Amino acid sequence: MFCPKCGKGNSSEIKYCASCGTNLEAISRALTGREEDFFTKIDGGIDQLFARYTEHVFGDSCKASNENTVVRSWRLLG
């Protein structure tokens, strides 16, 4: 296994990198995680990003539209 921090090749049996001391066991566990979990996390992140973007883009337009409706109704009432 190669250390992602320093790039040194290490035996797959050791827990820490011989060169820099990075915890290779934790990295190995993260890399061997289930693929489904990865895509589920990515999908959830994309949903949150899209929700924030649409709220940012369209959030003020709804408020402005409601304010225009109120102003127009007061004009009709005189």
N, C-alpha and C. Protein backbone atom coordinates (compact mmCIF):
# COMPACT_ATOMS: atom_id res chain seq x y z
N MET A 1 0.85 -1.18 0.00
CA MET A 1 0.00 0.00 0.00
C MET A 1 0.89 1.24 0.00
N PHE A 2 0.51 2.20 -0.80
CA PHE A 2 1.24 3.46 -0.84
C PHE A 2 0.62 4.45 0.13
N CYS A 3 1.46 5.16 0.83
CA CYS A 3 0.99 6.18 1.77
C CYS A 3 0.48 7.39 0.98
N PRO A 4 -0.75 7.83 1.26
CA PRO A 4 -1.27 8.98 0.53
C PRO A 4 -0.62 10.30 0.91
N LYS A 5 0.05 10.31 2.06
CA LYS A 5 0.67 11.55 2.52
C LYS A 5 2.07 11.75 1.92
N CYS A 6 2.90 10.70 2.00
CA CYS A 6 4.28 10.86 1.55
C CYS A 6 4.60 10.06 0.28
N GLY A 7 3.74 9.11 -0.10
CA GLY A 7 3.94 8.33 -1.32
C GLY A 7 4.82 7.11 -1.17
N LYS A 8 5.31 6.83 0.03
CA LYS A 8 6.19 5.67 0.25
C LYS A 8 5.39 4.38 0.19
N GLY A 9 5.96 3.37 -0.46
CA GLY A 9 5.33 2.06 -0.51
C GLY A 9 5.53 1.34 0.82
N ASN A 10 4.47 0.78 1.37
CA ASN A 10 4.52 0.07 2.65
C ASN A 10 3.89 -1.31 2.49
N SER A 11 4.25 -2.21 3.37
CA SER A 11 3.65 -3.53 3.39
C SER A 11 2.19 -3.39 3.82
N SER A 12 1.33 -4.26 3.30
CA SER A 12 -0.09 -4.16 3.64
C SER A 12 -0.38 -4.60 5.07
N GLU A 13 0.58 -5.24 5.75
CA GLU A 13 0.36 -5.71 7.11
C GLU A 13 0.63 -4.65 8.18
N ILE A 14 1.36 -3.59 7.85
CA ILE A 14 1.70 -2.61 8.88
C ILE A 14 0.59 -1.58 9.04
N LYS A 15 0.49 -1.05 10.26
CA LYS A 15 -0.60 -0.13 10.60
C LYS A 15 -0.24 1.32 10.29
N TYR A 16 1.02 1.69 10.45
CA TYR A 16 1.46 3.07 10.24
C TYR A 16 2.54 3.12 9.18
N CYS A 17 2.60 4.22 8.44
CA CYS A 17 3.62 4.41 7.41
C CYS A 17 5.00 4.46 8.07
N ALA A 18 5.95 3.74 7.50
CA ALA A 18 7.30 3.70 8.05
C ALA A 18 8.02 5.03 7.86
N SER A 19 7.60 5.82 6.89
CA SER A 19 8.27 7.08 6.60
C SER A 19 7.70 8.25 7.39
N CYS A 20 6.37 8.41 7.37
CA CYS A 20 5.79 9.61 7.99
C CYS A 20 4.86 9.33 9.17
N GLY A 21 4.51 8.07 9.40
CA GLY A 21 3.67 7.72 10.55
C GLY A 21 2.17 7.84 10.33
N THR A 22 1.73 8.04 9.10
CA THR A 22 0.30 8.14 8.81
C THR A 22 -0.38 6.81 9.12
N ASN A 23 -1.59 6.88 9.68
CA ASN A 23 -2.36 5.69 10.02
C ASN A 23 -2.90 5.05 8.74
N LEU A 24 -2.23 4.01 8.26
CA LEU A 24 -2.61 3.34 7.02
C LEU A 24 -3.83 2.45 7.21
N GLU A 25 -4.05 1.97 8.41
CA GLU A 25 -5.20 1.12 8.68
C GLU A 25 -6.51 1.90 8.49
N ALA A 26 -6.54 3.12 8.99
CA ALA A 26 -7.73 3.96 8.84
C ALA A 26 -7.98 4.29 7.37
N ILE A 27 -6.92 4.55 6.65
CA ILE A 27 -7.05 4.86 5.22
C ILE A 27 -7.53 3.63 4.46
N SER A 28 -7.00 2.48 4.82
CA SER A 28 -7.42 1.24 4.17
C SER A 28 -8.89 0.96 4.42
N ARG A 29 -9.37 1.19 5.65
CA ARG A 29 -10.79 1.00 5.96
C ARG A 29 -11.66 1.96 5.15
N ALA A 30 -11.21 3.19 5.02
CA ALA A 30 -11.98 4.18 4.26
C ALA A 30 -12.05 3.81 2.78
N LEU A 31 -10.95 3.29 2.26
CA LEU A 31 -10.91 2.93 0.84
C LEU A 31 -11.70 1.66 0.53
N THR A 32 -11.85 0.78 1.50
CA THR A 32 -12.57 -0.47 1.26
C THR A 32 -14.02 -0.37 1.69
N GLY A 33 -14.50 0.84 1.97
CA GLY A 33 -15.90 1.03 2.33
C GLY A 33 -16.80 0.61 1.18
N ARG A 34 -18.04 0.35 1.50
CA ARG A 34 -18.98 -0.11 0.49
C ARG A 34 -19.24 0.99 -0.53
N GLU A 35 -19.28 0.59 -1.77
CA GLU A 35 -19.49 1.54 -2.86
C GLU A 35 -20.87 2.19 -2.76
N GLU A 36 -21.86 1.43 -2.29
CA GLU A 36 -23.21 1.96 -2.15
C GLU A 36 -23.23 3.13 -1.16
N ASP A 37 -22.50 3.00 -0.07
CA ASP A 37 -22.43 4.08 0.92
C ASP A 37 -21.85 5.34 0.30
N PHE A 38 -20.83 5.17 -0.52
CA PHE A 38 -20.20 6.32 -1.17
C PHE A 38 -21.20 7.06 -2.05
N PHE A 39 -21.91 6.32 -2.88
CA PHE A 39 -22.86 6.97 -3.79
C PHE A 39 -24.05 7.55 -3.04
N THR A 40 -24.45 6.93 -1.95
CA THR A 40 -25.53 7.49 -1.14
C THR A 40 -25.11 8.82 -0.55
N LYS A 41 -23.89 8.91 -0.06
CA LYS A 41 -23.39 10.17 0.50
C LYS A 41 -23.28 11.24 -0.58
N ILE A 42 -22.77 10.87 -1.73
CA ILE A 42 -22.64 11.82 -2.84
C ILE A 42 -24.01 12.32 -3.27
N ASP A 43 -24.97 11.40 -3.38
CA ASP A 43 -26.32 11.77 -3.81
C ASP A 43 -26.96 12.73 -2.80
N GLY A 44 -26.78 12.45 -1.51
CA GLY A 44 -27.32 13.35 -0.48
C GLY A 44 -26.66 14.72 -0.54
N GLY A 45 -25.37 14.75 -0.80
CA GLY A 45 -24.65 16.02 -0.91
C GLY A 45 -25.12 16.84 -2.11
N ILE A 46 -25.37 16.15 -3.21
CA ILE A 46 -25.85 16.85 -4.41
C ILE A 46 -27.24 17.41 -4.15
N ASP A 47 -28.09 16.64 -3.47
CA ASP A 47 -29.44 17.13 -3.15
C ASP A 47 -29.38 18.39 -2.29
N GLN A 48 -28.51 18.39 -1.29
CA GLN A 48 -28.38 19.56 -0.42
C GLN A 48 -27.85 20.76 -1.20
N LEU A 49 -26.87 20.53 -2.05
CA LEU A 49 -26.31 21.61 -2.86
C LEU A 49 -27.38 22.20 -3.78
N PHE A 50 -28.15 21.35 -4.42
CA PHE A 50 -29.20 21.82 -5.33
C PHE A 50 -30.26 22.60 -4.55
N ALA A 51 -30.63 22.11 -3.37
CA ALA A 51 -31.63 22.81 -2.56
C ALA A 51 -31.14 24.19 -2.15
N ARG A 52 -29.89 24.29 -1.73
CA ARG A 52 -29.34 25.59 -1.35
C ARG A 52 -29.25 26.54 -2.54
N TYR A 53 -28.87 26.00 -3.68
CA TYR A 53 -28.75 26.82 -4.89
C TYR A 53 -30.12 27.37 -5.29
N THR A 54 -31.12 26.51 -5.34
CA THR A 54 -32.45 26.98 -5.75
C THR A 54 -33.02 27.96 -4.74
N GLU A 55 -32.76 27.73 -3.47
CA GLU A 55 -33.22 28.68 -2.45
C GLU A 55 -32.55 30.03 -2.65
N HIS A 56 -31.28 30.01 -2.95
CA HIS A 56 -30.54 31.26 -3.17
C HIS A 56 -31.04 31.99 -4.42
N VAL A 57 -31.24 31.25 -5.50
CA VAL A 57 -31.64 31.86 -6.76
C VAL A 57 -33.10 32.30 -6.75
N PHE A 58 -33.98 31.44 -6.26
CA PHE A 58 -35.40 31.72 -6.36
C PHE A 58 -36.03 32.23 -5.07
N GLY A 59 -35.30 32.22 -3.98
CA GLY A 59 -35.86 32.63 -2.69
C GLY A 59 -36.35 34.06 -2.69
N ASP A 60 -35.58 34.97 -3.21
CA ASP A 60 -35.96 36.38 -3.22
C ASP A 60 -37.07 36.67 -4.23
N SER A 61 -37.14 35.90 -5.31
CA SER A 61 -38.16 36.17 -6.33
C SER A 61 -39.56 35.88 -5.80
N CYS A 62 -39.70 34.86 -4.95
CA CYS A 62 -41.01 34.57 -4.37
C CYS A 62 -41.44 35.70 -3.45
N LYS A 63 -40.52 36.20 -2.64
CA LYS A 63 -40.83 37.29 -1.73
C LYS A 63 -41.23 38.54 -2.52
N ALA A 64 -40.49 38.86 -3.57
CA ALA A 64 -40.78 40.04 -4.39
C ALA A 64 -42.14 39.89 -5.07
N SER A 65 -42.45 38.70 -5.52
CA SER A 65 -43.74 38.45 -6.17
C SER A 65 -44.88 38.66 -5.20
N ASN A 66 -44.73 38.19 -3.97
CA ASN A 66 -45.76 38.38 -2.95
C ASN A 66 -45.93 39.84 -2.60
N GLU A 67 -44.84 40.58 -2.51
CA GLU A 67 -44.92 42.01 -2.20
C GLU A 67 -45.64 42.77 -3.32
N ASN A 68 -45.37 42.40 -4.57
CA ASN A 68 -46.06 43.05 -5.69
C ASN A 68 -47.55 42.77 -5.65
N THR A 69 -47.94 41.57 -5.26
CA THR A 69 -49.35 41.23 -5.17
C THR A 69 -50.04 42.08 -4.11
N VAL A 70 -49.40 42.26 -2.97
CA VAL A 70 -49.96 43.08 -1.90
C VAL A 70 -50.09 44.52 -2.34
N VAL A 71 -49.08 45.05 -2.99
CA VAL A 71 -49.11 46.44 -3.46
C VAL A 71 -50.23 46.63 -4.47
N ARG A 72 -50.38 45.69 -5.41
CA ARG A 72 -51.44 45.79 -6.41
C ARG A 72 -52.82 45.71 -5.77
N SER A 73 -52.98 44.87 -4.76
CA SER A 73 -54.29 44.76 -4.12
C SER A 73 -54.65 46.05 -3.38
N TRP A 74 -53.67 46.74 -2.80
CA TRP A 74 -53.94 48.01 -2.14
C TRP A 74 -54.30 49.09 -3.16
N ARG A 75 -53.69 49.02 -4.32
CA ARG A 75 -54.03 49.98 -5.38
C ARG A 75 -55.48 49.80 -5.84
N LEU A 76 -55.91 48.54 -5.91
CA LEU A 76 -57.28 48.27 -6.32
C LEU A 76 -58.29 48.78 -5.29
N LEU A 77 -57.91 48.67 -4.02
CA LEU A 77 -58.81 49.12 -2.96
C LEU A 77 -58.86 50.64 -2.87
N GLY A 78 -57.86 51.28 -3.36
CA GLY A 78 -57.88 52.74 -3.41
C GLY A 78 -57.12 53.35 -2.34
